[in-house]
ModelCIF file with pLDDT and N, C-alpha, C, O atoms, coordinates in Angstrom:
data_MODEL
#
_entry.id   MODEL 
#
_entity.id                         1 
_entity.type                       polymer 
_entity.pdbx_number_of_molecules   1 
#
_entity_poly.entity_id                      1 
_entity_poly.type                           'polypeptide(L)' 
_entity_poly.nstd_linkage                   no 
_entity_poly.nstd_monomer                   no 
_entity_poly.pdbx_seq_one_letter_code       
;(UNK)(UNK)(UNK)(UNK)(UNK)(UNK)(UNK)(UNK)(UNK)(UNK)(UNK)(UNK)(UNK)(UNK)(UNK)(UNK)
(UNK)(UNK)(UNK)(UNK)(UNK)(UNK)(UNK)(UNK)(UNK)(UNK)(UNK)(UNK)(UNK)(UNK)(UNK)(UNK)
(UNK)(UNK)(UNK)(UNK)(UNK)(UNK)(UNK)(UNK)(UNK)(UNK)(UNK)(UNK)
;
_entity_poly.pdbx_seq_one_letter_code_can   XXXXXXXXXXXXXXXXXXXXXXXXXXXXXXXXXXXXXXXXXXXX 
_entity_poly.pdbx_strand_id                 A 
#
loop_
_entity_poly_seq.entity_id 
_entity_poly_seq.num 
_entity_poly_seq.mon_id 
_entity_poly_seq.hetero 
1 1  UNK n 
1 2  UNK n 
1 3  UNK n 
1 4  UNK n 
1 5  UNK n 
1 6  UNK n 
1 7  UNK n 
1 8  UNK n 
1 9  UNK n 
1 10 UNK n 
1 11 UNK n 
1 12 UNK n 
1 13 UNK n 
1 14 UNK n 
1 15 UNK n 
1 16 UNK n 
1 17 UNK n 
1 18 UNK n 
1 19 UNK n 
1 20 UNK n 
1 21 UNK n 
1 22 UNK n 
1 23 UNK n 
1 24 UNK n 
1 25 UNK n 
1 26 UNK n 
1 27 UNK n 
1 28 UNK n 
1 29 UNK n 
1 30 UNK n 
1 31 UNK n 
1 32 UNK n 
1 33 UNK n 
1 34 UNK n 
1 35 UNK n 
1 36 UNK n 
1 37 UNK n 
1 38 UNK n 
1 39 UNK n 
1 40 UNK n 
1 41 UNK n 
1 42 UNK n 
1 43 UNK n 
1 44 UNK n 
#
_struct_asym.id          A 
_struct_asym.entity_id   1 
#
loop_
_ma_qa_metric.id 
_ma_qa_metric.mode 
_ma_qa_metric.name 
_ma_qa_metric.software_group_id 
_ma_qa_metric.type 
1 global pLDDT . pLDDT 
2 local  pLDDT . pLDDT 
#
_ma_qa_metric_global.metric_id      1 
_ma_qa_metric_global.metric_value   82.02 
_ma_qa_metric_global.model_id       1 
_ma_qa_metric_global.ordinal_id     1 
#
loop_
_ma_qa_metric_local.label_asym_id 
_ma_qa_metric_local.label_comp_id 
_ma_qa_metric_local.label_seq_id 
_ma_qa_metric_local.metric_id 
_ma_qa_metric_local.metric_value 
_ma_qa_metric_local.model_id 
_ma_qa_metric_local.ordinal_id 
A UNK 1  2 92.00 1 1  
A UNK 2  2 96.00 1 2  
A UNK 3  2 95.00 1 3  
A UNK 4  2 95.00 1 4  
A UNK 5  2 94.00 1 5  
A UNK 6  2 94.00 1 6  
A UNK 7  2 94.00 1 7  
A UNK 8  2 94.00 1 8  
A UNK 9  2 94.00 1 9  
A UNK 10 2 91.00 1 10 
A UNK 11 2 88.00 1 11 
A UNK 12 2 83.00 1 12 
A UNK 13 2 79.00 1 13 
A UNK 14 2 71.00 1 14 
A UNK 15 2 71.00 1 15 
A UNK 16 2 72.00 1 16 
A UNK 17 2 62.00 1 17 
A UNK 18 2 68.00 1 18 
A UNK 19 2 68.00 1 19 
A UNK 20 2 72.00 1 20 
A UNK 21 2 73.00 1 21 
A UNK 22 2 73.00 1 22 
A UNK 23 2 79.00 1 23 
A UNK 24 2 80.00 1 24 
A UNK 25 2 82.00 1 25 
A UNK 26 2 85.00 1 26 
A UNK 27 2 86.00 1 27 
A UNK 28 2 87.00 1 28 
A UNK 29 2 86.00 1 29 
A UNK 30 2 84.00 1 30 
A UNK 31 2 85.00 1 31 
A UNK 32 2 84.00 1 32 
A UNK 33 2 82.00 1 33 
A UNK 34 2 77.00 1 34 
A UNK 35 2 78.00 1 35 
A UNK 36 2 78.00 1 36 
A UNK 37 2 78.00 1 37 
A UNK 38 2 79.00 1 38 
A UNK 39 2 80.00 1 39 
A UNK 40 2 82.00 1 40 
A UNK 41 2 77.00 1 41 
A UNK 42 2 81.00 1 42 
A UNK 43 2 78.00 1 43 
A UNK 44 2 82.00 1 44 
#
loop_
_atom_site.group_PDB 
_atom_site.id 
_atom_site.type_symbol 
_atom_site.label_atom_id 
_atom_site.label_alt_id 
_atom_site.label_comp_id 
_atom_site.label_asym_id 
_atom_site.label_entity_id 
_atom_site.label_seq_id 
_atom_site.pdbx_PDB_ins_code 
_atom_site.Cartn_x 
_atom_site.Cartn_y 
_atom_site.Cartn_z 
_atom_site.occupancy 
_atom_site.B_iso_or_equiv 
_atom_site.pdbx_formal_charge 
_atom_site.auth_seq_id 
_atom_site.auth_comp_id 
_atom_site.auth_asym_id 
_atom_site.auth_atom_id 
_atom_site.pdbx_PDB_model_num 
ATOM 1   N N  . UNK A 1 1  ? 13.401 14.606 19.934 1.00 92.00 ? 1  UNK A N  1 
ATOM 2   C CA . UNK A 1 1  ? 12.891 15.013 21.240 1.00 92.00 ? 1  UNK A CA 1 
ATOM 3   C C  . UNK A 1 1  ? 12.898 16.528 21.308 1.00 92.00 ? 1  UNK A C  1 
ATOM 4   O O  . UNK A 1 1  ? 13.886 17.174 20.957 1.00 92.00 ? 1  UNK A O  1 
ATOM 5   N N  . UNK A 1 2  ? 11.777 17.093 21.767 1.00 96.00 ? 2  UNK A N  1 
ATOM 6   C CA . UNK A 1 2  ? 11.656 18.540 21.918 1.00 96.00 ? 2  UNK A CA 1 
ATOM 7   C C  . UNK A 1 2  ? 11.526 18.870 23.395 1.00 96.00 ? 2  UNK A C  1 
ATOM 8   O O  . UNK A 1 2  ? 10.667 18.317 24.081 1.00 96.00 ? 2  UNK A O  1 
ATOM 9   N N  . UNK A 1 3  ? 12.369 19.763 23.888 1.00 95.00 ? 3  UNK A N  1 
ATOM 10  C CA . UNK A 1 3  ? 12.328 20.182 25.281 1.00 95.00 ? 3  UNK A CA 1 
ATOM 11  C C  . UNK A 1 3  ? 11.479 21.438 25.421 1.00 95.00 ? 3  UNK A C  1 
ATOM 12  O O  . UNK A 1 3  ? 11.762 22.465 24.805 1.00 95.00 ? 3  UNK A O  1 
ATOM 13  N N  . UNK A 1 4  ? 10.428 21.343 26.244 1.00 95.00 ? 4  UNK A N  1 
ATOM 14  C CA . UNK A 1 4  ? 9.618  22.538 26.529 1.00 95.00 ? 4  UNK A CA 1 
ATOM 15  C C  . UNK A 1 4  ? 10.394 23.522 27.400 1.00 95.00 ? 4  UNK A C  1 
ATOM 16  O O  . UNK A 1 4  ? 10.042 24.700 27.457 1.00 95.00 ? 4  UNK A O  1 
ATOM 17  N N  . UNK A 1 5  ? 11.442 23.058 28.079 1.00 94.00 ? 5  UNK A N  1 
ATOM 18  C CA . UNK A 1 5  ? 12.235 23.925 28.949 1.00 94.00 ? 5  UNK A CA 1 
ATOM 19  C C  . UNK A 1 5  ? 13.209 24.771 28.130 1.00 94.00 ? 5  UNK A C  1 
ATOM 20  O O  . UNK A 1 5  ? 13.239 25.993 28.269 1.00 94.00 ? 5  UNK A O  1 
ATOM 21  N N  . UNK A 1 6  ? 14.006 24.122 27.275 1.00 94.00 ? 6  UNK A N  1 
ATOM 22  C CA . UNK A 1 6  ? 15.027 24.839 26.504 1.00 94.00 ? 6  UNK A CA 1 
ATOM 23  C C  . UNK A 1 6  ? 14.554 25.252 25.110 1.00 94.00 ? 6  UNK A C  1 
ATOM 24  O O  . UNK A 1 6  ? 15.237 26.009 24.420 1.00 94.00 ? 6  UNK A O  1 
ATOM 25  N N  . UNK A 1 7  ? 13.389 24.757 24.699 1.00 94.00 ? 7  UNK A N  1 
ATOM 26  C CA . UNK A 1 7  ? 12.853 25.013 23.351 1.00 94.00 ? 7  UNK A CA 1 
ATOM 27  C C  . UNK A 1 7  ? 13.807 24.516 22.273 1.00 94.00 ? 7  UNK A C  1 
ATOM 28  O O  . UNK A 1 7  ? 13.956 25.142 21.224 1.00 94.00 ? 7  UNK A O  1 
ATOM 29  N N  . UNK A 1 8  ? 14.453 23.380 22.543 1.00 94.00 ? 8  UNK A N  1 
ATOM 30  C CA . UNK A 1 8  ? 15.429 22.838 21.609 1.00 94.00 ? 8  UNK A CA 1 
ATOM 31  C C  . UNK A 1 8  ? 15.068 21.407 21.208 1.00 94.00 ? 8  UNK A C  1 
ATOM 32  O O  . UNK A 1 8  ? 14.254 20.748 21.856 1.00 94.00 ? 8  UNK A O  1 
ATOM 33  N N  . UNK A 1 9  ? 15.692 20.946 20.130 1.00 94.00 ? 9  UNK A N  1 
ATOM 34  C CA . UNK A 1 9  ? 15.468 19.616 19.582 1.00 94.00 ? 9  UNK A CA 1 
ATOM 35  C C  . UNK A 1 9  ? 16.717 18.761 19.716 1.00 94.00 ? 9  UNK A C  1 
ATOM 36  O O  . UNK A 1 9  ? 17.835 19.266 19.616 1.00 94.00 ? 9  UNK A O  1 
ATOM 37  N N  . UNK A 1 10 ? 16.528 17.470 19.941 1.00 91.00 ? 10 UNK A N  1 
ATOM 38  C CA . UNK A 1 10 ? 17.607 16.487 19.950 1.00 91.00 ? 10 UNK A CA 1 
ATOM 39  C C  . UNK A 1 10 ? 17.204 15.358 19.018 1.00 91.00 ? 10 UNK A C  1 
ATOM 40  O O  . UNK A 1 10 ? 16.069 14.882 19.057 1.00 91.00 ? 10 UNK A O  1 
ATOM 41  N N  . UNK A 1 11 ? 18.142 14.932 18.180 1.00 88.00 ? 11 UNK A N  1 
ATOM 42  C CA . UNK A 1 11 ? 17.897 13.811 17.283 1.00 88.00 ? 11 UNK A CA 1 
ATOM 43  C C  . UNK A 1 11 ? 18.399 12.536 17.940 1.00 88.00 ? 11 UNK A C  1 
ATOM 44  O O  . UNK A 1 11 ? 19.492 12.514 18.504 1.00 88.00 ? 11 UNK A O  1 
ATOM 45  N N  . UNK A 1 12 ? 17.615 11.487 17.870 1.00 83.00 ? 12 UNK A N  1 
ATOM 46  C CA . UNK A 1 12 ? 18.014 10.188 18.418 1.00 83.00 ? 12 UNK A CA 1 
ATOM 47  C C  . UNK A 1 12 ? 17.744 9.130  17.354 1.00 83.00 ? 12 UNK A C  1 
ATOM 48  O O  . UNK A 1 12 ? 16.596 8.908  16.971 1.00 83.00 ? 12 UNK A O  1 
ATOM 49  N N  . UNK A 1 13 ? 18.797 8.483  16.882 1.00 79.00 ? 13 UNK A N  1 
ATOM 50  C CA . UNK A 1 13 ? 18.671 7.520  15.796 1.00 79.00 ? 13 UNK A CA 1 
ATOM 51  C C  . UNK A 1 13 ? 18.449 6.103  16.308 1.00 79.00 ? 13 UNK A C  1 
ATOM 52  O O  . UNK A 1 13 ? 19.065 5.671  17.282 1.00 79.00 ? 13 UNK A O  1 
ATOM 53  N N  . UNK A 1 14 ? 17.556 5.393  15.628 1.00 71.00 ? 14 UNK A N  1 
ATOM 54  C CA . UNK A 1 14 ? 17.297 3.968  15.871 1.00 71.00 ? 14 UNK A CA 1 
ATOM 55  C C  . UNK A 1 14 ? 17.022 3.663  17.346 1.00 71.00 ? 14 UNK A C  1 
ATOM 56  O O  . UNK A 1 14 ? 17.597 2.728  17.903 1.00 71.00 ? 14 UNK A O  1 
ATOM 57  N N  . UNK A 1 15 ? 16.156 4.438  17.972 1.00 71.00 ? 15 UNK A N  1 
ATOM 58  C CA . UNK A 1 15 ? 15.840 4.212  19.390 1.00 71.00 ? 15 UNK A CA 1 
ATOM 59  C C  . UNK A 1 15 ? 14.490 3.540  19.601 1.00 71.00 ? 15 UNK A C  1 
ATOM 60  O O  . UNK A 1 15 ? 14.206 3.046  20.692 1.00 71.00 ? 15 UNK A O  1 
ATOM 61  N N  . UNK A 1 16 ? 13.666 3.519  18.575 1.00 72.00 ? 16 UNK A N  1 
ATOM 62  C CA . UNK A 1 16 ? 12.378 2.831  18.650 1.00 72.00 ? 16 UNK A CA 1 
ATOM 63  C C  . UNK A 1 16 ? 12.454 1.576  17.790 1.00 72.00 ? 16 UNK A C  1 
ATOM 64  O O  . UNK A 1 16 ? 13.219 1.526  16.827 1.00 72.00 ? 16 UNK A O  1 
ATOM 65  N N  . UNK A 1 17 ? 11.675 0.579  18.129 1.00 62.00 ? 17 UNK A N  1 
ATOM 66  C CA . UNK A 1 17 ? 11.670 -0.617 17.285 1.00 62.00 ? 17 UNK A CA 1 
ATOM 67  C C  . UNK A 1 17 ? 11.158 -0.257 15.905 1.00 62.00 ? 17 UNK A C  1 
ATOM 68  O O  . UNK A 1 17 ? 10.230 0.540  15.768 1.00 62.00 ? 17 UNK A O  1 
ATOM 69  N N  . UNK A 1 18 ? 11.752 -0.837 14.896 1.00 68.00 ? 18 UNK A N  1 
ATOM 70  C CA . UNK A 1 18 ? 11.303 -0.624 13.522 1.00 68.00 ? 18 UNK A CA 1 
ATOM 71  C C  . UNK A 1 18 ? 10.291 -1.704 13.173 1.00 68.00 ? 18 UNK A C  1 
ATOM 72  O O  . UNK A 1 18 ? 10.457 -2.455 12.212 1.00 68.00 ? 18 UNK A O  1 
ATOM 73  N N  . UNK A 1 19 ? 9.246  -1.760 13.975 1.00 68.00 ? 19 UNK A N  1 
ATOM 74  C CA . UNK A 1 19 ? 8.156  -2.726 13.820 1.00 68.00 ? 19 UNK A CA 1 
ATOM 75  C C  . UNK A 1 19 ? 6.838  -1.979 14.007 1.00 68.00 ? 19 UNK A C  1 
ATOM 76  O O  . UNK A 1 19 ? 6.833  -0.796 14.349 1.00 68.00 ? 19 UNK A O  1 
ATOM 77  N N  . UNK A 1 20 ? 5.749  -2.654 13.787 1.00 72.00 ? 20 UNK A N  1 
ATOM 78  C CA . UNK A 1 20 ? 4.438  -2.049 14.036 1.00 72.00 ? 20 UNK A CA 1 
ATOM 79  C C  . UNK A 1 20 ? 4.306  -1.828 15.534 1.00 72.00 ? 20 UNK A C  1 
ATOM 80  O O  . UNK A 1 20 ? 4.510  -2.743 16.331 1.00 72.00 ? 20 UNK A O  1 
ATOM 81  N N  . UNK A 1 21 ? 3.963  -0.603 15.905 1.00 73.00 ? 21 UNK A N  1 
ATOM 82  C CA . UNK A 1 21 ? 3.893  -0.245 17.315 1.00 73.00 ? 21 UNK A CA 1 
ATOM 83  C C  . UNK A 1 21 ? 2.672  0.627  17.583 1.00 73.00 ? 21 UNK A C  1 
ATOM 84  O O  . UNK A 1 21 ? 2.115  1.245  16.675 1.00 73.00 ? 21 UNK A O  1 
ATOM 85  N N  . UNK A 1 22 ? 2.271  0.661  18.848 1.00 73.00 ? 22 UNK A N  1 
ATOM 86  C CA . UNK A 1 22 ? 1.119  1.460  19.254 1.00 73.00 ? 22 UNK A CA 1 
ATOM 87  C C  . UNK A 1 22 ? 1.542  2.913  19.473 1.00 73.00 ? 22 UNK A C  1 
ATOM 88  O O  . UNK A 1 22 ? 2.702  3.284  19.291 1.00 73.00 ? 22 UNK A O  1 
ATOM 89  N N  . UNK A 1 23 ? 0.578  3.702  19.860 1.00 79.00 ? 23 UNK A N  1 
ATOM 90  C CA . UNK A 1 23 ? 0.861  5.065  20.284 1.00 79.00 ? 23 UNK A CA 1 
ATOM 91  C C  . UNK A 1 23 ? 1.539  5.040  21.657 1.00 79.00 ? 23 UNK A C  1 
ATOM 92  O O  . UNK A 1 23 ? 1.515  4.027  22.356 1.00 79.00 ? 23 UNK A O  1 
ATOM 93  N N  . UNK A 1 24 ? 2.140  6.168  22.028 1.00 80.00 ? 24 UNK A N  1 
ATOM 94  C CA . UNK A 1 24 ? 2.715  6.304  23.365 1.00 80.00 ? 24 UNK A CA 1 
ATOM 95  C C  . UNK A 1 24 ? 1.597  6.589  24.363 1.00 80.00 ? 24 UNK A C  1 
ATOM 96  O O  . UNK A 1 24 ? 0.632  7.284  24.046 1.00 80.00 ? 24 UNK A O  1 
ATOM 97  N N  . UNK A 1 25 ? 1.737  6.044  25.578 1.00 82.00 ? 25 UNK A N  1 
ATOM 98  C CA . UNK A 1 25 ? 0.844  6.400  26.685 1.00 82.00 ? 25 UNK A CA 1 
ATOM 99  C C  . UNK A 1 25 ? 1.669  6.488  27.955 1.00 82.00 ? 25 UNK A C  1 
ATOM 100 O O  . UNK A 1 25 ? 2.769  5.940  28.033 1.00 82.00 ? 25 UNK A O  1 
ATOM 101 N N  . UNK A 1 26 ? 1.137  7.175  28.942 1.00 85.00 ? 26 UNK A N  1 
ATOM 102 C CA . UNK A 1 26 ? 1.762  7.203  30.267 1.00 85.00 ? 26 UNK A CA 1 
ATOM 103 C C  . UNK A 1 26 ? 1.068  6.140  31.114 1.00 85.00 ? 26 UNK A C  1 
ATOM 104 O O  . UNK A 1 26 ? -0.160 6.087  31.170 1.00 85.00 ? 26 UNK A O  1 
ATOM 105 N N  . UNK A 1 27 ? 1.867  5.289  31.776 1.00 86.00 ? 27 UNK A N  1 
ATOM 106 C CA . UNK A 1 27 ? 1.281  4.247  32.611 1.00 86.00 ? 27 UNK A CA 1 
ATOM 107 C C  . UNK A 1 27 ? 0.996  4.785  34.013 1.00 86.00 ? 27 UNK A C  1 
ATOM 108 O O  . UNK A 1 27 ? 1.089  5.989  34.248 1.00 86.00 ? 27 UNK A O  1 
ATOM 109 N N  . UNK A 1 28 ? 0.653  3.904  34.932 1.00 87.00 ? 28 UNK A N  1 
ATOM 110 C CA . UNK A 1 28 ? 0.273  4.304  36.288 1.00 87.00 ? 28 UNK A CA 1 
ATOM 111 C C  . UNK A 1 28 ? 1.416  4.966  37.059 1.00 87.00 ? 28 UNK A C  1 
ATOM 112 O O  . UNK A 1 28 ? 1.170  5.657  38.047 1.00 87.00 ? 28 UNK A O  1 
ATOM 113 N N  . UNK A 1 29 ? 2.673  4.763  36.620 1.00 86.00 ? 29 UNK A N  1 
ATOM 114 C CA . UNK A 1 29 ? 3.829  5.409  37.245 1.00 86.00 ? 29 UNK A CA 1 
ATOM 115 C C  . UNK A 1 29 ? 4.258  6.678  36.510 1.00 86.00 ? 29 UNK A C  1 
ATOM 116 O O  . UNK A 1 29 ? 5.289  7.267  36.831 1.00 86.00 ? 29 UNK A O  1 
ATOM 117 N N  . UNK A 1 30 ? 3.466  7.092  35.528 1.00 84.00 ? 30 UNK A N  1 
ATOM 118 C CA . UNK A 1 30 ? 3.815  8.193  34.632 1.00 84.00 ? 30 UNK A CA 1 
ATOM 119 C C  . UNK A 1 30 ? 5.020  7.884  33.762 1.00 84.00 ? 30 UNK A C  1 
ATOM 120 O O  . UNK A 1 30 ? 5.689  8.800  33.282 1.00 84.00 ? 30 UNK A O  1 
ATOM 121 N N  . UNK A 1 31 ? 5.309  6.590  33.551 1.00 85.00 ? 31 UNK A N  1 
ATOM 122 C CA . UNK A 1 31 ? 6.344  6.186  32.605 1.00 85.00 ? 31 UNK A CA 1 
ATOM 123 C C  . UNK A 1 31 ? 5.734  6.172  31.210 1.00 85.00 ? 31 UNK A C  1 
ATOM 124 O O  . UNK A 1 31 ? 4.589  5.756  31.033 1.00 85.00 ? 31 UNK A O  1 
ATOM 125 N N  . UNK A 1 32 ? 6.491  6.621  30.229 1.00 84.00 ? 32 UNK A N  1 
ATOM 126 C CA . UNK A 1 32 ? 6.034  6.621  28.849 1.00 84.00 ? 32 UNK A CA 1 
ATOM 127 C C  . UNK A 1 32 ? 6.278  5.231  28.263 1.00 84.00 ? 32 UNK A C  1 
ATOM 128 O O  . UNK A 1 32 ? 7.405  4.734  28.283 1.00 84.00 ? 32 UNK A O  1 
ATOM 129 N N  . UNK A 1 33 ? 5.225  4.609  27.744 1.00 82.00 ? 33 UNK A N  1 
ATOM 130 C CA . UNK A 1 33 ? 5.330  3.255  27.197 1.00 82.00 ? 33 UNK A CA 1 
ATOM 131 C C  . UNK A 1 33 ? 4.633  3.173  25.850 1.00 82.00 ? 33 UNK A C  1 
ATOM 132 O O  . UNK A 1 33 ? 3.807  4.019  25.507 1.00 82.00 ? 33 UNK A O  1 
ATOM 133 N N  . UNK A 1 34 ? 4.981  2.138  25.093 1.00 77.00 ? 34 UNK A N  1 
ATOM 134 C CA . UNK A 1 34 ? 4.253  1.793  23.874 1.00 77.00 ? 34 UNK A CA 1 
ATOM 135 C C  . UNK A 1 34 ? 4.340  0.287  23.689 1.00 77.00 ? 34 UNK A C  1 
ATOM 136 O O  . UNK A 1 34 ? 5.150  -0.381 24.333 1.00 77.00 ? 34 UNK A O  1 
ATOM 137 N N  . UNK A 1 35 ? 3.512  -0.237 22.818 1.00 78.00 ? 35 UNK A N  1 
ATOM 138 C CA . UNK A 1 35 ? 3.454  -1.681 22.595 1.00 78.00 ? 35 UNK A CA 1 
ATOM 139 C C  . UNK A 1 35 ? 4.118  -2.032 21.272 1.00 78.00 ? 35 UNK A C  1 
ATOM 140 O O  . UNK A 1 35 ? 3.798  -1.453 20.234 1.00 78.00 ? 35 UNK A O  1 
ATOM 141 N N  . UNK A 1 36 ? 5.033  -2.973 21.314 1.00 78.00 ? 36 UNK A N  1 
ATOM 142 C CA . UNK A 1 36 ? 5.705  -3.516 20.134 1.00 78.00 ? 36 UNK A CA 1 
ATOM 143 C C  . UNK A 1 36 ? 4.921  -4.762 19.726 1.00 78.00 ? 36 UNK A C  1 
ATOM 144 O O  . UNK A 1 36 ? 5.022  -5.798 20.383 1.00 78.00 ? 36 UNK A O  1 
ATOM 145 N N  . UNK A 1 37 ? 4.142  -4.671 18.651 1.00 78.00 ? 37 UNK A N  1 
ATOM 146 C CA . UNK A 1 37 ? 3.296  -5.783 18.230 1.00 78.00 ? 37 UNK A CA 1 
ATOM 147 C C  . UNK A 1 37 ? 4.103  -6.983 17.759 1.00 78.00 ? 37 UNK A C  1 
ATOM 148 O O  . UNK A 1 37 ? 3.707  -8.123 18.001 1.00 78.00 ? 37 UNK A O  1 
ATOM 149 N N  . UNK A 1 38 ? 5.222  -6.748 17.094 1.00 79.00 ? 38 UNK A N  1 
ATOM 150 C CA . UNK A 1 38 ? 6.025  -7.854 16.588 1.00 79.00 ? 38 UNK A CA 1 
ATOM 151 C C  . UNK A 1 38 ? 6.665  -8.642 17.733 1.00 79.00 ? 38 UNK A C  1 
ATOM 152 O O  . UNK A 1 38 ? 6.653  -9.873 17.722 1.00 79.00 ? 38 UNK A O  1 
ATOM 153 N N  . UNK A 1 39 ? 7.223  -7.938 18.720 1.00 80.00 ? 39 UNK A N  1 
ATOM 154 C CA . UNK A 1 39 ? 7.845  -8.607 19.855 1.00 80.00 ? 39 UNK A CA 1 
ATOM 155 C C  . UNK A 1 39 ? 6.850  -8.999 20.927 1.00 80.00 ? 39 UNK A C  1 
ATOM 156 O O  . UNK A 1 39 ? 7.206  -9.690 21.882 1.00 80.00 ? 39 UNK A O  1 
ATOM 157 N N  . UNK A 1 40 ? 5.593  -8.560 20.780 1.00 82.00 ? 40 UNK A N  1 
ATOM 158 C CA . UNK A 1 40 ? 4.522  -8.852 21.737 1.00 82.00 ? 40 UNK A CA 1 
ATOM 159 C C  . UNK A 1 40 ? 4.939  -8.445 23.158 1.00 82.00 ? 40 UNK A C  1 
ATOM 160 O O  . UNK A 1 40 ? 4.824  -9.223 24.106 1.00 82.00 ? 40 UNK A O  1 
ATOM 161 N N  . UNK A 1 41 ? 5.433  -7.184 23.276 1.00 77.00 ? 41 UNK A N  1 
ATOM 162 C CA . UNK A 1 41 ? 5.934  -6.706 24.564 1.00 77.00 ? 41 UNK A CA 1 
ATOM 163 C C  . UNK A 1 41 ? 5.724  -5.191 24.670 1.00 77.00 ? 41 UNK A C  1 
ATOM 164 O O  . UNK A 1 41 ? 5.759  -4.474 23.670 1.00 77.00 ? 41 UNK A O  1 
ATOM 165 N N  . UNK A 1 42 ? 5.508  -4.728 25.890 1.00 81.00 ? 42 UNK A N  1 
ATOM 166 C CA . UNK A 1 42 ? 5.467  -3.291 26.148 1.00 81.00 ? 42 UNK A CA 1 
ATOM 167 C C  . UNK A 1 42 ? 6.895  -2.776 26.258 1.00 81.00 ? 42 UNK A C  1 
ATOM 168 O O  . UNK A 1 42 ? 7.760  -3.443 26.826 1.00 81.00 ? 42 UNK A O  1 
ATOM 169 N N  . UNK A 1 43 ? 7.137  -1.601 25.719 1.00 78.00 ? 43 UNK A N  1 
ATOM 170 C CA . UNK A 1 43 ? 8.450  -0.957 25.814 1.00 78.00 ? 43 UNK A CA 1 
ATOM 171 C C  . UNK A 1 43 ? 8.309  0.299  26.666 1.00 78.00 ? 43 UNK A C  1 
ATOM 172 O O  . UNK A 1 43 ? 7.339  1.044  26.532 1.00 78.00 ? 43 UNK A O  1 
ATOM 173 N N  . UNK A 1 44 ? 9.281  0.528  27.541 1.00 82.00 ? 44 UNK A N  1 
ATOM 174 C CA . UNK A 1 44 ? 9.274  1.680  28.427 1.00 82.00 ? 44 UNK A CA 1 
ATOM 175 C C  . UNK A 1 44 ? 10.418 2.615  28.066 1.00 82.00 ? 44 UNK A C  1 
ATOM 176 O O  . UNK A 1 44 ? 10.588 3.656  28.701 1.00 82.00 ? 44 UNK A O  1 
#
């Protein structure tokens, strides 16, 4: 994760599914989501 405010990086391990997934998009609430094809579910 890169912060545009602090110009710094944070490492986050094993936070995304290790499956085939879509790109990130912002939904109607401005929540960042992506689709997990293996689990057949949207992740927020």
